[in-house]
Structures are given as structure tokens and as C-alpha cells.
């Protein structure tokens, strides 16, 4: 179990989004790289899903939440959308999101900006 998959009770729902209450740690690249993205407690994030697709992708699916926190935090640090999407994709994979579902979601965050 990794620092990413092992963290529990790390976020609370706040309106339509969430706020972290514990650090969410993601090791970038290969295990042992020593490069970490650490989402701090108090960071607000959401899973932006167009209303027309919410029947297919729930913005409150627990499998998406950590990946969304990482993605939104990376963007807040100034990462470009493609780099943030790469971390998002790998985090979705680590959370058990199936390949086709990941592909649709990653294309969504790379191509479109929701809000």
C-alpha cells in the first residue's frame, strides 16, 4: 500500500466540492523517484464533470477524489494541463479506475476546461 492509496479520511465534502483534512502524497514517476506532490490539508478541490455526463461519471465517486485533488493542486502550482493530466491519469489507475473510463476523463481535463 502506498502513501497515496493508504491515506484514509483525508477529505470532507464542502458544498459541491471537497477540502483536504490530511496530506495526500503522490510520488511522481517511478516508485523511489523521491519526487513528491503533496496536497496539503485545507486545499479545496472538486471533480468537474459536465452536467450531461453526470449519469456516467459521478463527481462524488470516491475513486476519482484523490486524483482530482492531485490534478487541481498541480494546476494551482502552475503545472500545465498535460502534465497535471498525466499525474491525474496515474492516480486514477492507482485508484482502480478502468482504462476506458480513465481515457475519457484524462481527455476531458486536457482538452476542456470545466467550471
Protein backbone atom coordinates (compact mmCIF):
# COMPACT_ATOMS: atom_id res chain seq x y z
CA UNK A 1 0.00 0.00 0.00
CA UNK A 2 1.40 3.40 -0.96
CA UNK A 3 1.21 6.76 0.78
CA UNK A 4 -1.45 7.59 -1.83
CA UNK A 5 -3.69 4.54 -1.53
CA UNK A 6 -3.18 4.12 2.22
CA UNK A 7 -4.46 7.50 3.39
CA UNK A 8 -7.98 7.35 4.86
CA UNK A 9 -10.47 10.02 5.90
CA UNK A 10 -8.40 12.60 4.08
CA UNK A 11 -11.13 14.92 2.74
CA UNK A 12 -14.51 16.29 3.71
CA UNK A 13 -17.32 17.36 1.46
CA UNK A 14 -17.79 21.12 1.32
CA UNK A 15 -20.75 22.27 -0.77
CA UNK A 16 -20.26 20.86 -4.29
CA UNK A 17 -16.58 20.18 -3.73
CA UNK A 18 -14.19 18.90 -1.09
CA UNK A 19 -11.46 20.10 1.22
CA UNK A 20 -8.44 18.06 2.29
CA UNK A 21 -8.04 17.44 6.02
CA UNK A 22 -4.84 15.38 5.70
CA UNK A 23 -1.90 15.42 3.32
CA UNK A 24 -2.37 13.46 0.10
CA UNK A 25 1.05 12.34 -1.13
CA UNK A 26 1.77 11.15 -4.66
CA UNK A 27 5.19 10.02 -5.83
CA UNK A 28 5.75 11.31 -9.34
CA UNK A 29 7.18 8.87 -11.86
CA UNK A 30 8.58 5.55 -10.64
CA UNK A 31 8.44 4.39 -7.04
CA UNK A 32 11.60 5.58 -5.37
CA UNK A 33 11.95 8.67 -7.56
CA UNK A 34 11.90 10.86 -4.48
CA UNK A 35 9.73 13.41 -6.31
CA UNK A 36 6.54 14.02 -4.38
CA UNK A 37 3.42 16.06 -4.95
CA UNK A 38 1.98 16.79 -1.50
CA UNK A 39 -1.54 18.21 -1.40
CA UNK A 40 -1.77 19.99 1.97
CA UNK A 41 -4.66 20.00 4.43
CA UNK A 42 -7.08 22.83 3.71
CA UNK A 43 -6.87 22.59 -0.09
CA UNK A 44 -10.27 22.92 -1.83
CA UNK A 45 -10.92 20.89 -4.97
CA UNK A 46 -13.71 19.29 -6.97
CA UNK A 47 -14.37 16.75 -9.68
CA UNK A 48 -15.64 18.87 -12.56
CA UNK A 49 -18.00 16.78 -14.67
CA UNK A 50 -20.26 18.37 -17.29
CA UNK A 51 -23.89 18.03 -16.24
CA UNK A 52 -24.70 15.97 -19.37
CA UNK A 53 -22.15 13.31 -18.31
CA UNK A 54 -23.01 13.02 -14.61
CA UNK A 55 -25.14 9.96 -15.29
CA UNK A 56 -21.90 8.26 -16.34
CA UNK A 57 -19.30 9.95 -14.10
CA UNK A 58 -20.36 10.98 -10.59
CA UNK A 59 -18.39 13.95 -9.27
CA UNK A 60 -18.57 12.26 -5.86
CA UNK A 61 -17.17 8.85 -6.86
CA UNK A 62 -14.52 8.06 -4.20
CA UNK A 63 -12.27 6.52 -6.88
CA UNK A 64 -11.90 9.95 -8.52
CA UNK A 65 -11.36 12.16 -5.49
CA UNK A 66 -7.65 11.75 -4.72
CA UNK A 67 -6.77 12.05 -8.40
CA UNK A 68 -8.88 15.21 -8.65
CA UNK A 69 -7.16 16.69 -5.60
CA UNK A 70 -3.74 15.98 -7.14
CA UNK A 71 -4.78 17.42 -10.50
CA UNK A 72 -6.26 20.61 -9.08
CA UNK A 73 -3.31 21.12 -6.75
CA UNK A 74 -0.81 20.63 -9.59
CA UNK A 75 -2.67 23.26 -11.62
CA UNK A 76 -2.61 25.63 -8.63
CA UNK A 77 1.19 25.26 -8.57
CA UNK A 78 1.38 26.34 -12.21
CA UNK A 79 1.69 22.94 -13.89
CA UNK A 80 0.43 22.88 -17.47
CA UNK A 81 -2.75 20.93 -18.20
CA UNK A 82 -0.97 18.00 -19.89
CA UNK A 83 1.47 17.46 -17.01
CA UNK A 84 -1.33 17.69 -14.45
CA UNK A 85 -3.39 15.27 -16.56
CA UNK A 86 -0.53 12.73 -16.54
CA UNK A 87 -0.50 12.69 -12.73
CA UNK A 88 -4.31 12.57 -12.78
CA UNK A 89 -4.28 9.53 -15.08
CA UNK A 90 -1.77 7.61 -12.99
CA UNK A 91 -3.64 8.45 -9.79
CA UNK A 92 -6.91 7.22 -11.34
CA UNK A 93 -5.13 3.99 -12.30
CA UNK A 94 -3.83 3.56 -8.74
CA UNK A 95 -7.39 4.08 -7.50
CA UNK A 96 -8.67 1.25 -9.71
CA UNK A 97 -10.47 3.28 -12.38
CA UNK A 98 -10.81 1.18 -15.57
CA UNK A 99 -8.72 2.12 -18.62
CA UNK A 100 -11.52 3.40 -20.89
CA UNK A 101 -13.02 5.48 -18.09
CA UNK A 102 -9.57 6.95 -17.37
CA UNK A 103 -9.06 7.79 -21.03
CA UNK A 104 -12.33 9.72 -21.23
CA UNK A 105 -11.57 11.60 -18.02
CA UNK A 106 -7.99 12.45 -18.99
CA UNK A 107 -9.07 13.69 -22.41
CA UNK A 108 -11.65 15.81 -20.61
CA UNK A 109 -9.10 17.55 -18.38
CA UNK A 110 -6.59 18.03 -21.21
CA UNK A 111 -8.99 19.29 -23.89
CA UNK A 112 -11.73 21.06 -21.92
CA UNK A 113 -11.77 23.43 -19.01
CA UNK A 114 -14.94 23.00 -16.97
CA UNK A 115 -16.34 25.50 -14.46
